[in-house]
Amino acid sequence: MNLHSLRFFYEAFQYNSLTEASKHLHISQPALTKHIKNLEKEFHVTLVKKSGRQIELTDLGKQLFDEAAILFSQEKQIESLLTKQKNTYLTIGTTQLNSEYLMKSLLLESEKTTINLSFMIENTQTLFEKLEKNLIDFAILPEISNSLKFKRDYLFTDYLIFVAHPDYCPDKLSKKEIANYQFIKRETGSFLQTTLEQNKDLSPIFSVEVTGQSNALIASQLKQGIYLTSYTAVKYLIFSEKLKEVQIENISFEPRDFYLYSSKTPNSQSIKNELISKLKKKPINYD
């Protein structure tokens, strides 16, 4: 088996699209696609399929992805054992909603430490499953009902707000005025989209549907509509006046507490304390 192609296959489908994956992996999209096709050709199987404009994993592809996750996790452990590295390698899982802010918070603070960080961006349910299987070391997530099987430490409180380009609409909108403006729609399964659709006081008209937080924020800045998002994820855009908060009459959302989750198997308390300390530092200055 060509493990090189398998690694690219595994890494690619940790992102929302091959375009996004190719940017993070520093490889062209055609080259990335070729690695996946080579893997399919080698074993005469189909691992990916087209769904509209998106590419999704087949059932076999999903099974291979899960097995590859175990394989590369074991590879990391074996490599650490054989080389007796003094450095600590950790994988932290988080959702796309807060990933950019959290990565900046941790990476800017970890340059001079012995902790080497990698990030896995998935939905909440998938991250809890990977944490339970010890495929990731920690997860940064909000409180949910099935979290009792994990240890957790409080990190910060976040809340949802509406944002738009400063010239798109007034700062405050009445319920009647909402009909004059459009909203940006996220992909099915998005926590933000589900929250928006479940709000009985809103009947939003959507201008565009986008996949991923970064694409939604770009659409907002291009005056495509109003977007529901995490304050933590957009405060630097508000600070730089690229976006503004939009208040809608009688619409508000409960704050959400975020925690650092870890499995209940023994782990280094000193490492956990260091991570918590970095995440609780003052917000990044974006000026």
Protein backbone atom coordinates (compact mmCIF):
# COMPACT_ATOMS: atom_id res chain seq x y z
CA MET A 1 0.00 0.00 0.00
CA ASN A 2 1.13 3.52 -0.81
CA LEU A 3 1.06 5.09 2.65
CA HIS A 4 2.00 8.45 1.14
CA SER A 5 -1.30 8.55 -0.79
CA LEU A 6 -3.19 7.20 2.21
CA ARG A 7 -1.83 10.03 4.35
CA PHE A 8 -2.95 12.65 1.82
CA PHE A 9 -6.38 10.98 1.65
CA TYR A 10 -6.68 11.08 5.44
CA GLU A 11 -5.42 14.64 5.78
CA ALA A 12 -7.61 15.93 2.92
CA PHE A 13 -10.91 14.84 4.41
CA GLN A 14 -10.29 16.59 7.71
CA TYR A 15 -11.29 19.77 5.88
CA ASN A 16 -14.57 20.93 4.30
CA SER A 17 -13.33 20.77 0.71
CA LEU A 18 -10.33 19.68 -1.34
CA THR A 19 -9.67 23.34 -2.13
CA GLU A 20 -9.37 24.16 1.57
CA ALA A 21 -7.35 20.99 2.20
CA SER A 22 -4.86 21.77 -0.57
CA LYS A 23 -4.17 25.19 0.97
CA HIS A 24 -3.52 23.73 4.42
CA LEU A 25 -1.42 20.85 3.04
CA HIS A 26 0.59 23.12 0.71
CA ILE A 27 -0.15 20.99 -2.34
CA SER A 28 -2.09 21.80 -5.51
CA GLN A 29 -5.64 20.52 -5.72
CA PRO A 30 -4.93 18.43 -8.88
CA ALA A 31 -1.97 16.78 -7.12
CA LEU A 32 -4.10 16.05 -4.06
CA THR A 33 -6.85 14.59 -6.24
CA LYS A 34 -4.26 12.43 -8.02
CA HIS A 35 -3.09 10.91 -4.73
CA ILE A 36 -6.68 9.92 -3.90
CA LYS A 37 -7.26 8.48 -7.39
CA ASN A 38 -3.99 6.52 -7.15
CA LEU A 39 -5.24 4.96 -3.93
CA GLU A 40 -8.54 4.02 -5.59
CA LYS A 41 -6.74 2.66 -8.65
CA GLU A 42 -4.32 0.57 -6.60
CA PHE A 43 -7.16 -1.38 -4.94
CA HIS A 44 -9.88 -0.96 -7.61
CA VAL A 45 -12.28 0.71 -5.17
CA THR A 46 -14.31 3.93 -4.94
CA LEU A 47 -13.51 6.06 -1.91
CA VAL A 48 -15.12 9.37 -2.86
CA LYS A 49 -18.25 10.45 -4.70
CA LYS A 50 -19.67 13.72 -5.98
CA SER A 51 -22.68 15.24 -4.23
CA GLY A 52 -23.60 18.34 -6.19
CA ARG A 53 -20.50 20.51 -6.12
CA GLN A 54 -19.14 18.77 -3.05
CA ILE A 55 -17.05 15.61 -2.80
CA GLU A 56 -18.07 13.14 -0.11
CA LEU A 57 -16.66 9.89 1.20
CA THR A 58 -18.34 6.64 0.24
CA ASP A 59 -19.14 4.14 3.01
CA LEU A 60 -15.84 2.41 2.27
CA GLY A 61 -14.09 5.78 2.27
CA LYS A 62 -15.49 6.57 5.72
CA GLN A 63 -14.28 3.21 7.06
CA LEU A 64 -10.84 3.79 5.57
CA PHE A 65 -10.70 7.30 7.07
CA ASP A 66 -11.42 5.93 10.57
CA GLU A 67 -8.83 3.15 10.20
CA ALA A 68 -6.26 5.62 8.86
CA ALA A 69 -6.86 7.84 11.90
CA ILE A 70 -5.98 4.91 14.17
CA LEU A 71 -2.95 4.00 12.04
CA PHE A 72 -1.43 7.49 12.02
CA SER A 73 -2.19 7.95 15.71
CA GLN A 74 -0.24 4.76 16.44
CA GLU A 75 2.54 5.92 14.11
CA LYS A 76 2.91 9.08 16.19
CA GLN A 77 3.09 7.08 19.41
CA ILE A 78 5.67 4.65 17.99
CA GLU A 79 7.79 7.47 16.61
CA SER A 80 7.77 9.21 19.98
CA LEU A 81 8.70 5.96 21.73
CA LEU A 82 11.62 5.16 19.41
CA THR A 83 13.10 8.62 19.25
CA LYS A 84 12.46 9.34 22.95
CA GLN A 85 11.44 12.86 22.12
CA LYS A 86 11.41 15.32 24.98
CA ASN A 87 8.78 17.34 23.20
CA THR A 88 5.10 16.63 23.75
CA TYR A 89 2.86 16.13 20.71
CA LEU A 90 -0.82 16.87 21.20
CA THR A 91 -3.85 16.82 18.94
CA ILE A 92 -6.65 19.19 19.92
CA GLY A 93 -10.10 18.88 18.43
CA THR A 94 -12.43 21.82 17.92
CA THR A 95 -15.31 22.87 15.71
CA GLN A 96 -14.77 25.19 12.77
CA LEU A 97 -16.81 27.88 14.52
CA ASN A 98 -14.02 28.76 16.95
CA SER A 99 -11.03 27.09 15.30
CA GLU A 100 -9.33 30.22 13.93
CA TYR A 101 -9.42 32.09 17.24
CA LEU A 102 -8.31 29.06 19.25
CA MET A 103 -5.45 28.26 16.89
CA LYS A 104 -4.16 31.82 17.13
CA SER A 105 -4.50 31.79 20.91
CA LEU A 106 -2.51 28.58 21.26
CA LEU A 107 0.02 28.81 18.44
CA LEU A 108 1.12 32.35 19.27
CA GLU A 109 1.77 31.26 22.85
CA SER A 110 3.41 27.90 22.16
CA GLU A 111 6.42 28.89 20.04
CA LYS A 112 8.87 28.64 22.94
CA THR A 113 7.37 25.64 24.70
CA THR A 114 7.98 21.92 24.30
CA ILE A 115 4.35 21.30 23.34
CA ASN A 116 3.82 20.66 19.62
CA LEU A 117 0.19 21.16 18.64
CA SER A 118 -1.92 19.89 15.79
CA PHE A 119 -5.62 20.56 15.31
CA MET A 120 -8.53 18.45 14.12
CA ILE A 121 -11.64 20.34 13.00
CA GLU A 122 -14.84 18.28 13.17
CA ASN A 123 -18.39 18.49 14.45
CA THR A 124 -19.06 18.04 18.17
CA GLN A 125 -20.30 14.45 18.00
CA THR A 126 -17.34 13.26 15.93
CA LEU A 127 -14.85 14.92 18.28
CA PHE A 128 -16.36 13.24 21.34
CA GLU A 129 -16.14 9.88 19.55
CA LYS A 130 -12.47 10.45 18.69
CA LEU A 131 -11.72 11.57 22.24
CA GLU A 132 -13.34 8.41 23.59
CA LYS A 133 -11.14 6.30 21.27
CA ASN A 134 -8.04 8.33 22.29
CA LEU A 135 -7.56 9.50 18.69
CA ILE A 136 -7.23 13.06 19.98
CA ASP A 137 -5.80 14.27 23.28
CA PHE A 138 -8.17 17.13 24.07
CA ALA A 139 -11.31 18.74 22.66
CA ILE A 140 -12.50 22.33 23.07
CA LEU A 141 -16.28 22.24 22.97
CA PRO A 142 -19.43 23.62 24.61
CA GLU A 143 -21.33 21.74 27.28
CA ILE A 144 -23.53 18.92 25.98
CA SER A 145 -25.63 16.22 27.64
CA ASN A 146 -23.31 13.23 27.06
CA SER A 147 -20.15 14.93 28.31
CA LEU A 148 -20.16 13.31 31.77
CA LYS A 149 -17.86 10.50 30.65
CA PHE A 150 -15.03 13.03 30.15
CA LYS A 151 -13.03 15.30 32.40
CA ARG A 152 -13.56 18.98 31.66
CA ASP A 153 -12.12 22.35 32.65
CA TYR A 154 -13.90 25.66 32.03
CA LEU A 155 -12.18 27.93 29.49
CA PHE A 156 -14.39 30.81 28.39
CA THR A 157 -17.94 31.92 27.61
CA ASP A 158 -19.04 32.73 24.08
CA TYR A 159 -22.33 33.89 22.56
CA LEU A 160 -23.97 34.22 19.17
CA ILE A 161 -24.56 37.50 17.36
CA PHE A 162 -25.75 38.68 13.96
CA VAL A 163 -23.20 40.48 11.79
CA ALA A 164 -23.22 42.24 8.43
CA HIS A 165 -21.14 44.63 6.35
CA PRO A 166 -21.32 48.14 7.91
CA ASP A 167 -23.18 49.45 4.82
CA TYR A 168 -25.57 46.54 4.37
CA CYS A 169 -28.28 47.38 6.91
CA PRO A 170 -28.99 49.50 10.02
CA ASP A 171 -27.41 48.53 13.33
CA LYS A 172 -30.85 47.68 14.73
CA LEU A 173 -33.71 46.00 12.90
CA SER A 174 -37.35 45.54 13.86
CA LYS A 175 -39.15 42.32 12.99
CA LYS A 176 -40.92 44.09 10.13
CA GLU A 177 -37.64 45.38 8.72
CA ILE A 178 -36.11 41.89 8.59
CA ALA A 179 -38.10 41.16 5.42
CA ASN A 180 -36.10 43.87 3.61
CA TYR A 181 -32.80 42.05 4.11
CA GLN A 182 -31.38 38.64 3.33
CA PHE A 183 -29.42 36.17 5.43
CA ILE A 184 -26.45 33.96 4.65
CA LYS A 185 -27.24 30.25 4.85
CA ARG A 186 -24.82 27.61 6.09
CA GLU A 187 -24.65 23.98 5.00
CA THR A 188 -27.04 21.38 6.43
CA GLY A 189 -25.79 20.08 9.77
CA SER A 190 -24.14 23.35 10.76
CA PHE A 191 -24.82 24.27 14.39
CA LEU A 192 -25.36 27.90 13.35
CA GLN A 193 -27.84 27.02 10.62
CA THR A 194 -29.77 24.70 12.92
CA THR A 195 -29.95 27.43 15.58
CA LEU A 196 -31.19 29.96 13.03
CA GLU A 197 -33.86 27.64 11.63
CA GLN A 198 -35.12 26.65 15.09
CA ASN A 199 -35.76 30.26 16.08
CA LYS A 200 -39.53 30.65 15.74
CA ASP A 201 -39.33 34.45 15.75
CA LEU A 202 -37.40 34.52 12.48
CA SER A 203 -38.39 33.64 8.92
CA PRO A 204 -35.16 34.55 7.14
CA ILE A 205 -34.84 34.95 3.39
CA PHE A 206 -31.50 33.54 2.24
CA SER A 207 -29.30 35.11 -0.42
CA VAL A 208 -26.59 32.44 -0.74
CA GLU A 209 -25.69 29.10 0.81
CA VAL A 210 -22.04 28.57 1.72
CA THR A 211 -19.99 25.81 3.28
CA GLY A 212 -17.82 26.66 6.24
CA GLN A 213 -17.32 29.59 8.57
CA SER A 214 -14.60 31.28 6.53
CA ASN A 215 -16.74 31.35 3.36
CA ALA A 216 -19.69 32.73 5.32
CA LEU A 217 -17.58 35.56 6.71
CA ILE A 218 -16.31 36.40 3.23
CA ALA A 219 -19.91 36.52 1.97
CA SER A 220 -20.79 38.85 4.86
CA GLN A 221 -17.98 41.22 3.96
CA LEU A 222 -19.19 41.21 0.34
CA LYS A 223 -22.62 42.48 1.47
CA GLN A 224 -24.35 39.18 0.70
CA GLY A 225 -26.48 39.31 3.84
CA ILE A 226 -26.75 39.04 7.61
CA TYR A 227 -24.92 36.15 9.26
CA LEU A 228 -25.39 34.42 12.61
CA THR A 229 -22.03 33.58 14.13
CA SER A 230 -19.92 33.28 17.26
CA TYR A 231 -18.74 36.57 18.76
CA THR A 232 -15.32 35.05 19.47
CA ALA A 233 -14.93 34.18 15.79
CA VAL A 234 -15.70 37.69 14.48
CA LYS A 235 -14.64 40.18 17.13
CA TYR A 236 -11.45 41.01 15.24
CA LEU A 237 -13.52 41.76 12.10
CA ILE A 238 -15.79 44.01 14.16
CA PHE A 239 -12.77 45.70 15.74
CA SER A 240 -11.29 46.37 12.27
CA GLU A 241 -14.73 47.64 11.07
CA LYS A 242 -15.00 45.03 8.31
CA LEU A 243 -18.21 43.80 9.92
CA LYS A 244 -20.61 45.17 12.51
CA GLU A 245 -23.03 43.62 14.98
CA VAL A 246 -26.69 43.78 13.98
CA GLN A 247 -29.32 43.66 16.71
CA ILE A 248 -32.73 42.23 15.81
CA GLU A 249 -35.77 43.09 17.90
CA ASN A 250 -36.48 40.53 20.65
CA ILE A 251 -33.88 38.09 19.29
CA SER A 252 -31.06 37.01 21.59
CA PHE A 253 -29.16 33.82 22.37
CA GLU A 254 -28.03 32.25 25.60
CA PRO A 255 -24.28 32.41 26.29
CA ARG A 256 -22.40 29.12 25.89
CA ASP A 257 -19.63 27.95 28.20
CA PHE A 258 -16.68 26.21 26.53
CA TYR A 259 -14.54 23.56 28.19
CA LEU A 260 -11.30 21.70 27.62
CA TYR A 261 -12.39 18.05 27.53
CA SER A 262 -10.08 15.09 28.09
CA SER A 263 -10.71 11.39 28.56
CA LYS A 264 -10.79 9.98 32.07
CA THR A 265 -7.66 7.94 31.39
CA PRO A 266 -4.53 9.27 33.14
CA ASN A 267 -2.84 12.21 31.45
CA SER A 268 -0.34 14.86 32.39
CA GLN A 269 -1.97 17.47 34.61
CA SER A 270 0.93 19.86 33.97
CA ILE A 271 0.29 19.77 30.21
CA LYS A 272 -3.41 20.36 30.75
CA ASN A 273 -2.70 23.27 33.09
CA GLU A 274 -0.39 24.85 30.51
CA LEU A 275 -3.05 24.60 27.80
CA ILE A 276 -5.71 26.08 30.06
CA SER A 277 -3.38 28.93 30.98
CA LYS A 278 -2.76 29.78 27.32
CA LEU A 279 -6.44 29.66 26.41
CA LYS A 280 -7.41 31.88 29.31
CA LYS A 281 -4.94 34.62 28.44
CA LYS A 282 -6.26 38.03 27.42
CA PRO A 283 -7.81 38.20 23.93
CA ILE A 284 -5.44 38.82 21.03
CA ASN A 285 -4.96 42.43 20.01
CA TYR A 286 -5.74 42.66 16.30
CA ASP A 287 -4.81 46.28 15.66
